C-alpha atoms as a PDB file:
ATOM      1  CA  UNK A   1     -46.018  80.743  18.825  1.00  0.00           C
ATOM      2  CA  UNK A   2     -44.100  78.457  21.346  1.00  0.00           C
ATOM      3  CA  UNK A   3     -40.545  78.002  20.655  1.00  0.00           C
ATOM      4  CA  UNK A   4     -38.450  75.366  21.085  1.00  0.00           C
ATOM      5  CA  UNK A   5     -34.895  76.441  21.494  1.00  0.00           C
ATOM      6  CA  UNK A   6     -35.797  80.422  22.232  1.00  0.00           C
ATOM      7  CA  UNK A   7     -37.485  82.537  24.986  1.00  0.00           C
ATOM      8  CA  UNK A   8     -39.957  85.982  23.835  1.00  0.00           C
ATOM      9  CA  UNK A   9     -41.194  88.277  25.824  1.00  0.00           C
ATOM     10  CA  UNK A  10     -42.566  92.116  24.656  1.00  0.00           C
ATOM     11  CA  UNK A  11     -42.060  94.551  28.215  1.00  0.00           C
ATOM     12  CA  UNK A  12     -44.495  97.072  28.062  1.00  0.00           C
ATOM     13  CA  UNK A  13     -41.755  99.480  27.902  1.00  0.00           C
ATOM     14  CA  UNK A  14     -42.358  98.176  24.553  1.00  0.00           C
ATOM     15  CA  UNK A  15     -39.090  96.188  24.317  1.00  0.00           C
ATOM     16  CA  UNK A  16     -38.581  92.691  23.409  1.00  0.00           C
ATOM     17  CA  UNK A  17     -36.640  90.693  23.822  1.00  0.00           C
ATOM     18  CA  UNK A  18     -35.253  87.509  22.255  1.00  0.00           C
ATOM     19  CA  UNK A  19     -33.300  85.332  24.298  1.00  0.00           C
ATOM     20  CA  UNK A  20     -31.015  81.842  22.747  1.00  0.00           C
ATOM     21  CA  UNK A  21     -32.004  79.494  25.069  1.00  0.00           C
ATOM     22  CA  UNK A  22     -29.994  76.047  24.374  1.00  0.00           C
ATOM     23  CA  UNK A  23     -27.078  75.982  26.824  1.00  0.00           C
ATOM     24  CA  UNK A  24     -26.942  72.960  26.139  1.00  0.00           C
ATOM     25  CA  UNK A  25     -25.498  73.007  22.721  1.00  0.00           C
ATOM     26  CA  UNK A  26     -23.684  76.922  23.291  1.00  0.00           C
ATOM     27  CA  UNK A  27     -26.344  77.581  21.406  1.00  0.00           C
ATOM     28  CA  UNK A  28     -25.241  76.491  17.597  1.00  0.00           C
ATOM     29  CA  UNK A  29     -26.923  78.185  14.706  1.00  0.00           C
ATOM     30  CA  UNK A  30     -29.138  75.023  14.100  1.00  0.00           C
ATOM     31  CA  UNK A  31     -31.624  75.116  11.180  1.00  0.00           C
ATOM     32  CA  UNK A  32     -33.483  74.743  14.224  1.00  0.00           C
ATOM     33  CA  UNK A  33     -32.761  78.047  15.970  1.00  0.00           C
ATOM     34  CA  UNK A  34     -32.305  80.118  12.919  1.00  0.00           C
ATOM     35  CA  UNK A  35     -35.676  79.373  11.392  1.00  0.00           C
ATOM     36  CA  UNK A  36     -37.158  80.457  15.007  1.00  0.00           C
ATOM     37  CA  UNK A  37     -35.127  83.109  14.781  1.00  0.00           C
ATOM     38  CA  UNK A  38     -36.972  84.376  11.960  1.00  0.00           C
ATOM     39  CA  UNK A  39     -40.298  83.682  12.564  1.00  0.00           C
ATOM     40  CA  UNK A  40     -39.283  85.576  16.406  1.00  0.00           C
ATOM     41  CA  UNK A  41     -37.970  88.490  14.422  1.00  0.00           C
ATOM     42  CA  UNK A  42     -40.745  88.183  11.641  1.00  0.00           C
ATOM     43  CA  UNK A  43     -43.280  88.715  14.823  1.00  0.00           C
ATOM     44  CA  UNK A  44     -41.600  91.479  16.637  1.00  0.00           C
ATOM     45  CA  UNK A  45     -42.000  93.159  12.735  1.00  0.00           C
ATOM     46  CA  UNK A  46     -45.366  92.508  12.280  1.00  0.00           C
ATOM     47  CA  UNK A  47     -46.108  93.863  16.070  1.00  0.00           C
ATOM     48  CA  UNK A  48     -47.284  97.039  15.988  1.00  0.00           C
ATOM     49  CA  UNK A  49     -46.270  97.054  20.068  1.00  0.00           C
ATOM     50  CA  UNK A  50     -42.756  96.542  19.508  1.00  0.00           C
ATOM     51  CA  UNK A  51     -40.394  99.490  19.184  1.00  0.00           C
ATOM     52  CA  UNK A  52     -37.234  97.859  19.574  1.00  0.00           C
ATOM     53  CA  UNK A  53     -35.732  94.719  20.373  1.00  0.00           C
ATOM     54  CA  UNK A  54     -32.610  92.614  21.846  1.00  0.00           C
ATOM     55  CA  UNK A  55     -31.244  89.542  21.530  1.00  0.00           C
ATOM     56  CA  UNK A  56     -29.339  87.876  24.441  1.00  0.00           C
ATOM     57  CA  UNK A  57     -28.099  84.026  25.324  1.00  0.00           C
ATOM     58  CA  UNK A  58     -29.608  81.849  28.466  1.00  0.00           C
ATOM     59  CA  UNK A  59     -26.178  81.131  28.418  1.00  0.00           C
ATOM     60  CA  UNK A  60     -23.568  82.339  31.811  1.00  0.00           C
ATOM     61  CA  UNK A  61     -20.465  82.706  29.152  1.00  0.00           C
ATOM     62  CA  UNK A  62     -21.360  82.209  25.098  1.00  0.00           C
ATOM     63  CA  UNK A  63     -24.030  84.635  23.026  1.00  0.00           C
ATOM     64  CA  UNK A  64     -23.325  81.364  21.040  1.00  0.00           C
ATOM     65  CA  UNK A  65     -20.756  79.620  19.541  1.00  0.00           C
ATOM     66  CA  UNK A  66     -21.683  79.821  15.952  1.00  0.00           C
ATOM     67  CA  UNK A  67     -22.370  77.244  12.670  1.00  0.00           C
ATOM     68  CA  UNK A  68     -23.501  73.633  14.003  1.00  0.00           C
ATOM     69  CA  UNK A  69     -20.318  71.992  12.731  1.00  0.00           C
ATOM     70  CA  UNK A  70     -22.213  68.469  13.482  1.00  0.00           C
ATOM     71  CA  UNK A  71     -24.050  70.027   9.737  1.00  0.00           C
ATOM     72  CA  UNK A  72     -20.638  69.584   7.591  1.00  0.00           C
ATOM     73  CA  UNK A  73     -19.606  66.382   7.611  1.00  0.00           C
ATOM     74  CA  UNK A  74     -23.253  64.733   7.584  1.00  0.00           C
ATOM     75  CA  UNK A  75     -23.720  62.336   4.898  1.00  0.00           C
ATOM     76  CA  UNK A  76     -26.698  64.620   3.052  1.00  0.00           C
ATOM     77  CA  UNK A  77     -26.788  65.259  -0.372  1.00  0.00           C
ATOM     78  CA  UNK A  78     -24.850  68.610  -1.418  1.00  0.00           C
ATOM     79  CA  UNK A  79     -27.505  70.712  -2.161  1.00  0.00           C
ATOM     80  CA  UNK A  80     -29.780  70.014   1.078  1.00  0.00           C
ATOM     81  CA  UNK A  81     -26.553  72.340   2.424  1.00  0.00           C
ATOM     82  CA  UNK A  82     -27.071  74.523   0.541  1.00  0.00           C
ATOM     83  CA  UNK A  83     -31.041  75.183   0.578  1.00  0.00           C
ATOM     84  CA  UNK A  84     -29.561  74.741   4.767  1.00  0.00           C
ATOM     85  CA  UNK A  85     -27.242  77.749   4.463  1.00  0.00           C
ATOM     86  CA  UNK A  86     -30.042  80.194   2.779  1.00  0.00           C
ATOM     87  CA  UNK A  87     -31.098  81.400   6.216  1.00  0.00           C
ATOM     88  CA  UNK A  88     -27.751  83.189   7.431  1.00  0.00           C
ATOM     89  CA  UNK A  89     -28.769  85.682   4.278  1.00  0.00           C
ATOM     90  CA  UNK A  90     -32.323  85.947   5.169  1.00  0.00           C
ATOM     91  CA  UNK A  91     -31.545  86.447   8.840  1.00  0.00           C
ATOM     92  CA  UNK A  92     -29.696  88.849   8.000  1.00  0.00           C
ATOM     93  CA  UNK A  93     -31.513  91.492   5.907  1.00  0.00           C
ATOM     94  CA  UNK A  94     -34.330  90.904   8.475  1.00  0.00           C
ATOM     95  CA  UNK A  95     -32.541  92.505  10.618  1.00  0.00           C
ATOM     96  CA  UNK A  96     -31.293  95.058   8.942  1.00  0.00           C
ATOM     97  CA  UNK A  97     -35.209  95.718   7.318  1.00  0.00           C
ATOM     98  CA  UNK A  98     -36.349  95.197  10.540  1.00  0.00           C
ATOM     99  CA  UNK A  99     -38.130  98.420  10.390  1.00  0.00           C
ATOM    100  CA  UNK A 100     -37.333  98.497  13.987  1.00  0.00           C
ATOM    101  CA  UNK A 101     -33.598  99.408  16.144  1.00  0.00           C
ATOM    102  CA  UNK A 102     -32.055  96.553  17.281  1.00  0.00           C
ATOM    103  CA  UNK A 103     -29.275  95.627  20.596  1.00  0.00           C
ATOM    104  CA  UNK A 104     -27.155  92.560  20.453  1.00  0.00           C
ATOM    105  CA  UNK A 105     -26.244  91.730  24.781  1.00  0.00           C
ATOM    106  CA  UNK A 106     -23.108  90.082  24.103  1.00  0.00           C
ATOM    107  CA  UNK A 107     -23.492  88.875  27.543  1.00  0.00           C
ATOM    108  CA  UNK A 108     -21.072  85.751  26.598  1.00  0.00           C
ATOM    109  CA  UNK A 109     -18.458  84.543  23.917  1.00  0.00           C
ATOM    110  CA  UNK A 110     -19.217  85.546  20.389  1.00  0.00           C
ATOM    111  CA  UNK A 111     -18.095  83.066  17.632  1.00  0.00           C
ATOM    112  CA  UNK A 112     -18.523  81.329  14.056  1.00  0.00           C
ATOM    113  CA  UNK A 113     -21.266  82.876  12.434  1.00  0.00           C
ATOM    114  CA  UNK A 114     -22.999  84.156  15.643  1.00  0.00           C
ATOM    115  CA  UNK A 115     -20.239  87.317  14.887  1.00  0.00           C
ATOM    116  CA  UNK A 116     -22.476  88.090  11.769  1.00  0.00           C
ATOM    117  CA  UNK A 117     -25.677  87.434  14.102  1.00  0.00           C
ATOM    118  CA  UNK A 118     -23.986  90.223  16.247  1.00  0.00           C
ATOM    119  CA  UNK A 119     -22.751  92.463  13.542  1.00  0.00           C
ATOM    120  CA  UNK A 120     -26.037  92.518  11.467  1.00  0.00           C
ATOM    121  CA  UNK A 121     -27.631  94.632  14.809  1.00  0.00           C
ATOM    122  CA  UNK A 122     -27.880  97.736  14.878  1.00  0.00           C
ATOM    123  CA  UNK A 123     -26.101  98.210  18.431  1.00  0.00           C
ATOM    124  CA  UNK A 124     -23.825  96.027  20.180  1.00  0.00           C
ATOM    125  CA  UNK A 125     -24.178  95.659  23.631  1.00  0.00           C
ATOM    126  CA  UNK A 126     -20.739  93.340  25.156  1.00  0.00           C
ATOM    127  CA  UNK A 127     -19.783  91.517  29.161  1.00  0.00           C
ATOM    128  CA  UNK A 128     -16.754  92.683  29.746  1.00  0.00           C
ATOM    129  CA  UNK A 129     -16.111  89.101  29.916  1.00  0.00           C
ATOM    130  CA  UNK A 130     -17.049  88.616  26.412  1.00  0.00           C
ATOM    131  CA  UNK A 131     -14.961  88.085  23.423  1.00  0.00           C
ATOM    132  CA  UNK A 132     -15.098  87.629  19.639  1.00  0.00           C
ATOM    133  CA  UNK A 133     -13.652  85.556  16.533  1.00  0.00           C
ATOM    134  CA  UNK A 134     -14.009  83.737  13.806  1.00  0.00           C
ATOM    135  CA  UNK A 135     -12.073  79.726  14.894  1.00  0.00           C
ATOM    136  CA  UNK A 136     -13.289  78.609  11.995  1.00  0.00           C
ATOM    137  CA  UNK A 137     -10.309  78.402  10.222  1.00  0.00           C
ATOM    138  CA  UNK A 138      -8.808  75.937  13.008  1.00  0.00           C
ATOM    139  CA  UNK A 139     -10.803  73.107  12.250  1.00  0.00           C
ATOM    140  CA  UNK A 140     -10.695  73.160   7.943  1.00  0.00           C
ATOM    141  CA  UNK A 141     -13.556  75.400   7.435  1.00  0.00           C
ATOM    142  CA  UNK A 142     -14.119  79.524   6.632  1.00  0.00           C
ATOM    143  CA  UNK A 143     -16.420  82.429   7.749  1.00  0.00           C
ATOM    144  CA  UNK A 144     -18.446  82.803   4.140  1.00  0.00           C
ATOM    145  CA  UNK A 145     -21.342  82.923   5.073  1.00  0.00           C
ATOM    146  CA  UNK A 146     -20.220  85.731   7.892  1.00  0.00           C
ATOM    147  CA  UNK A 147     -17.566  87.988   5.597  1.00  0.00           C
ATOM    148  CA  UNK A 148     -19.589  90.201   4.375  1.00  0.00           C
ATOM    149  CA  UNK A 149     -21.207  92.154   7.291  1.00  0.00           C
ATOM    150  CA  UNK A 150     -17.000  91.567   8.911  1.00  0.00           C
ATOM    151  CA  UNK A 151     -15.807  93.533   5.788  1.00  0.00           C
ATOM    152  CA  UNK A 152     -19.059  96.472   6.767  1.00  0.00           C
ATOM    153  CA  UNK A 153     -17.855  96.455   9.968  1.00  0.00           C
ATOM    154  CA  UNK A 154     -14.488  95.858  10.978  1.00  0.00           C
ATOM    155  CA  UNK A 155     -11.352  97.729   9.387  1.00  0.00           C
ATOM    156  CA  UNK A 156      -9.798  95.528   6.522  1.00  0.00           C
ATOM    157  CA  UNK A 157      -6.778  94.175   7.739  1.00  0.00           C
ATOM    158  CA  UNK A 158      -8.140  93.040  11.248  1.00  0.00           C
ATOM    159  CA  UNK A 159     -11.170  91.792  10.103  1.00  0.00           C
ATOM    160  CA  UNK A 160      -7.765  89.582   7.232  1.00  0.00           C
ATOM    161  CA  UNK A 161      -6.192  89.480  10.730  1.00  0.00           C
ATOM    162  CA  UNK A 162      -9.010  87.658  12.317  1.00  0.00           C
ATOM    163  CA  UNK A 163     -10.130  85.427   9.016  1.00  0.00           C
ATOM    164  CA  UNK A 164      -6.797  84.231   8.614  1.00  0.00           C
ATOM    165  CA  UNK A 165      -5.643  83.283  12.164  1.00  0.00           C
ATOM    166  CA  UNK A 166      -8.648  81.917  13.693  1.00  0.00           C
ATOM    167  CA  UNK A 167      -7.875  84.114  16.893  1.00  0.00           C
ATOM    168  CA  UNK A 168     -10.549  86.020  19.484  1.00  0.00           C
ATOM    169  CA  UNK A 169     -10.781  89.644  20.258  1.00  0.00           C
ATOM    170  CA  UNK A 170     -12.292  90.628  24.088  1.00  0.00           C
ATOM    171  CA  UNK A 171     -14.069  92.987  24.103  1.00  0.00           C
ATOM    172  CA  UNK A 172     -11.913  96.279  25.542  1.00  0.00           C
ATOM    173  CA  UNK A 173     -10.305  94.943  21.637  1.00  0.00           C
ATOM    174  CA  UNK A 174     -13.936  94.783  20.822  1.00  0.00           C
ATOM    175  CA  UNK A 175     -14.609  98.212  21.427  1.00  0.00           C
ATOM    176  CA  UNK A 176     -11.271 100.213  20.152  1.00  0.00           C
ATOM    177  CA  UNK A 177     -11.961  98.969  16.635  1.00  0.00           C
ATOM    178  CA  UNK A 178     -15.939  99.921  16.913  1.00  0.00           C
ATOM    179  CA  UNK A 179     -17.330  96.320  16.556  1.00  0.00           C
ATOM    180  CA  UNK A 180     -19.160  97.056  20.163  1.00  0.00           C
ATOM    181  CA  UNK A 181     -20.395 100.240  21.121  1.00  0.00           C
ATOM    182  CA  UNK A 182     -20.212 100.238  24.616  1.00  0.00           C
ATOM    183  CA  UNK A 183     -18.540  97.182  27.176  1.00  0.00           C
ATOM    184  CA  UNK A 184     -20.074  96.996  30.608  1.00  0.00           C
ATOM    185  CA  UNK A 185     -19.594  94.974  33.262  1.00  0.00           C
ATOM    186  CA  UNK A 186     -21.058  92.180  34.907  1.00  0.00           C
ATOM    187  CA  UNK A 187     -23.176  93.812  37.437  1.00  0.00           C
ATOM    188  CA  UNK A 188     -23.931  96.973  35.327  1.00  0.00           C
ATOM    189  CA  UNK A 189     -24.482  94.539  32.261  1.00  0.00           C
ATOM    190  CA  UNK A 190     -28.298  94.267  32.267  1.00  0.00           C
ATOM    191  CA  UNK A 191     -28.977  97.172  33.209  1.00  0.00           C
ATOM    192  CA  UNK A 192     -27.047  98.963  30.121  1.00  0.00           C
ATOM    193  CA  UNK A 193     -29.088  97.441  28.223  1.00  0.00           C
ATOM    194  CA  UNK A 194     -32.256  98.149  29.352  1.00  0.00           C
ATOM    195  CA  UNK A 195     -31.079 101.634  29.005  1.00  0.00           C
ATOM    196  CA  UNK A 196     -30.153 101.681  26.169  1.00  0.00           C
ATOM    197  CA  UNK A 197     -33.018  99.334  24.998  1.00  0.00           C
ATOM    198  CA  UNK A 198     -35.994 101.654  26.662  1.00  0.00           C
ATOM    199  CA  UNK A 199     -34.071 104.957  25.177  1.00  0.00           C
ATOM    200  CA  UNK A 200     -34.618 103.257  21.780  1.00  0.00           C
ATOM    201  CA  UNK A 201     -38.111 102.366  22.118  1.00  0.00           C
ATOM    202  CA  UNK A 202     -38.869 105.882  23.239  1.00  0.00           C
ATOM    203  CA  UNK A 203     -38.366 107.338  19.716  1.00  0.00           C
ATOM    204  CA  UNK A 204     -41.111 107.838  17.062  1.00  0.00           C
ATOM    205  CA  UNK A 205     -41.793 104.235  16.001  1.00  0.00           C
ATOM    206  CA  UNK A 206     -42.537 105.652  12.170  1.00  0.00           C
ATOM    207  CA  UNK A 207     -38.984 107.973  12.391  1.00  0.00           C
ATOM    208  CA  UNK A 208     -36.628 104.761  13.336  1.00  0.00           C
ATOM    209  CA  UNK A 209     -38.443 102.411  10.228  1.00  0.00           C
ATOM    210  CA  UNK A 210     -37.456 105.054   7.854  1.00  0.00           C
ATOM    211  CA  UNK A 211     -34.403 105.958   9.437  1.00  0.00           C
ATOM    212  CA  UNK A 212     -33.573 102.528   9.833  1.00  0.00           C
ATOM    213  CA  UNK A 213     -34.577 101.250   6.192  1.00  0.00           C
ATOM    214  CA  UNK A 214     -32.730 104.665   4.779  1.00  0.00           C
ATOM    215  CA  UNK A 215     -29.395 103.148   6.644  1.00  0.00           C
ATOM    216  CA  UNK A 216     -29.711  99.086   5.616  1.00  0.00           C
ATOM    217  CA  UNK A 217     -30.641 101.203   1.542  1.00  0.00           C
ATOM    218  CA  UNK A 218     -27.891 103.057   1.663  1.00  0.00           C
ATOM    219  CA  UNK A 219     -25.438 101.628   2.905  1.00  0.00           C
ATOM    220  CA  UNK A 220     -23.617 100.351  -0.508  1.00  0.00           C
ATOM    221  CA  UNK A 221     -25.137 103.363  -2.412  1.00  0.00           C
ATOM    222  CA  UNK A 222     -23.166 105.145  -4.996  1.00  0.00           C
ATOM    223  CA  UNK A 223     -22.191 108.597  -3.222  1.00  0.00           C
ATOM    224  CA  UNK A 224     -23.918 110.375  -5.986  1.00  0.00           C
ATOM    225  CA  UNK A 225     -26.619 107.770  -6.033  1.00  0.00           C
ATOM    226  CA  UNK A 226     -27.050 108.109  -2.101  1.00  0.00           C
ATOM    227  CA  UNK A 227     -27.181 111.844  -1.172  1.00  0.00           C
ATOM    228  CA  UNK A 228     -30.203 111.338  -3.787  1.00  0.00           C
ATOM    229  CA  UNK A 229     -32.032 108.986  -1.132  1.00  0.00           C
ATOM    230  CA  UNK A 230     -31.845 109.834   1.159  1.00  0.00           C
ATOM    231  CA  UNK A 231     -32.692 114.239   0.218  1.00  0.00           C
ATOM    232  CA  UNK A 232     -36.569 112.090  -1.124  1.00  0.00           C
ATOM    233  CA  UNK A 233     -36.442 110.246   2.528  1.00  0.00           C
ATOM    234  CA  UNK A 234     -36.218 113.325   4.056  1.00  0.00           C
ATOM    235  CA  UNK A 235     -38.617 114.877   2.462  1.00  0.00           C
ATOM    236  CA  UNK A 236     -40.870 111.569   3.214  1.00  0.00           C
ATOM    237  CA  UNK A 237     -40.022 112.431   7.059  1.00  0.00           C
ATOM    238  CA  UNK A 238     -41.211 115.465   6.357  1.00  0.00           C
ATOM    239  CA  UNK A 239     -44.718 115.707   5.371  1.00  0.00           C
ATOM    240  CA  UNK A 240     -45.381 112.878   8.647  1.00  0.00           C
ATOM    241  CA  UNK A 241     -46.751 114.314  12.175  1.00  0.00           C
ATOM    242  CA  UNK A 242     -44.722 112.860  14.132  1.00  0.00           C
ATOM    243  CA  UNK A 243     -41.802 115.625  12.957  1.00  0.00           C
ATOM    244  CA  UNK A 244     -44.031 118.739  14.062  1.00  0.00           C
ATOM    245  CA  UNK A 245     -45.362 116.521  17.728  1.00  0.00           C
ATOM    246  CA  UNK A 246     -40.645 115.834  17.794  1.00  0.00           C
ATOM    247  CA  UNK A 247     -39.739 119.594  17.521  1.00  0.00           C
ATOM    248  CA  UNK A 248     -43.038 120.761  19.286  1.00  0.00           C
ATOM    249  CA  UNK A 249     -42.623 119.293  21.899  1.00  0.00           C
ATOM    250  CA  UNK A 250     -38.854 120.556  21.426  1.00  0.00           C
ATOM    251  CA  UNK A 251     -39.119 124.323  21.926  1.00  0.00           C
ATOM    252  CA  UNK A 252     -42.001 123.007  24.604  1.00  0.00           C
ATOM    253  CA  UNK A 253     -39.773 121.042  26.603  1.00  0.00           C
ATOM    254  CA  UNK A 254     -42.490 118.637  26.937  1.00  0.00           C
ATOM    255  CA  UNK A 255     -42.063 114.971  26.032  1.00  0.00           C
ATOM    256  CA  UNK A 256     -42.805 113.947  22.050  1.00  0.00           C
ATOM    257  CA  UNK A 257     -47.170 112.326  21.528  1.00  0.00           C
ATOM    258  CA  UNK A 258     -45.940 110.103  18.697  1.00  0.00           C
ATOM    259  CA  UNK A 259     -49.198 109.081  16.693  1.00  0.00           C
ATOM    260  CA  UNK A 260     -46.989 108.099  13.685  1.00  0.00           C
ATOM    261  CA  UNK A 261     -48.367 109.087  10.800  1.00  0.00           C
END
């Protein structure tokens, strides 16, 4: 499938790379771009050759500037604006339920709605010059669509500060707060992303799917319910050939040969 707002490629390693590719708009999250993001993540989910997904940007300084603000003031019926925002929760849920690990390769500034997309990914590798923020309050808006993700990933008082003041934090501060997993310099950035992506792609795709699904589903469960659910998921994992192969390979000091069953 051809895409107008992004690029998509799958390497022999099983790593799929989605590149936001509208540098002239700083990858503003238009309806078209969000629609294509949903379509490409769905394609990655269906493709058995894909074992890890990397989301990045072709812009040299900006991952994405966030939502297309022009749509907020557009002269269209309110119900159309409401229906348009459905793409955000749909995309966040799709990433969470992808069944495959995701890395946000934040090679530039991650702002507004794009911050939510980054947080929806499992891991974030940030370029040392990247900044993160929710500047919506500065233009009379508020980051309603990504607030739930921020509060689940960022300490509460820091979240309050970001939402209310609309100021940015740099990559090192984001790493200190646990928002970012790894910060890399310019010459090391691509290699750092590739290293983690290929490591993730080399894991059992079946166990990774079970684990990813469990990560997403147990997040907001009551503690006792989560324990029961996770115990059941362990029993499912113990029924697979891959868990036997993984343990056997460990004791035989060799690389596992995943069967996917």
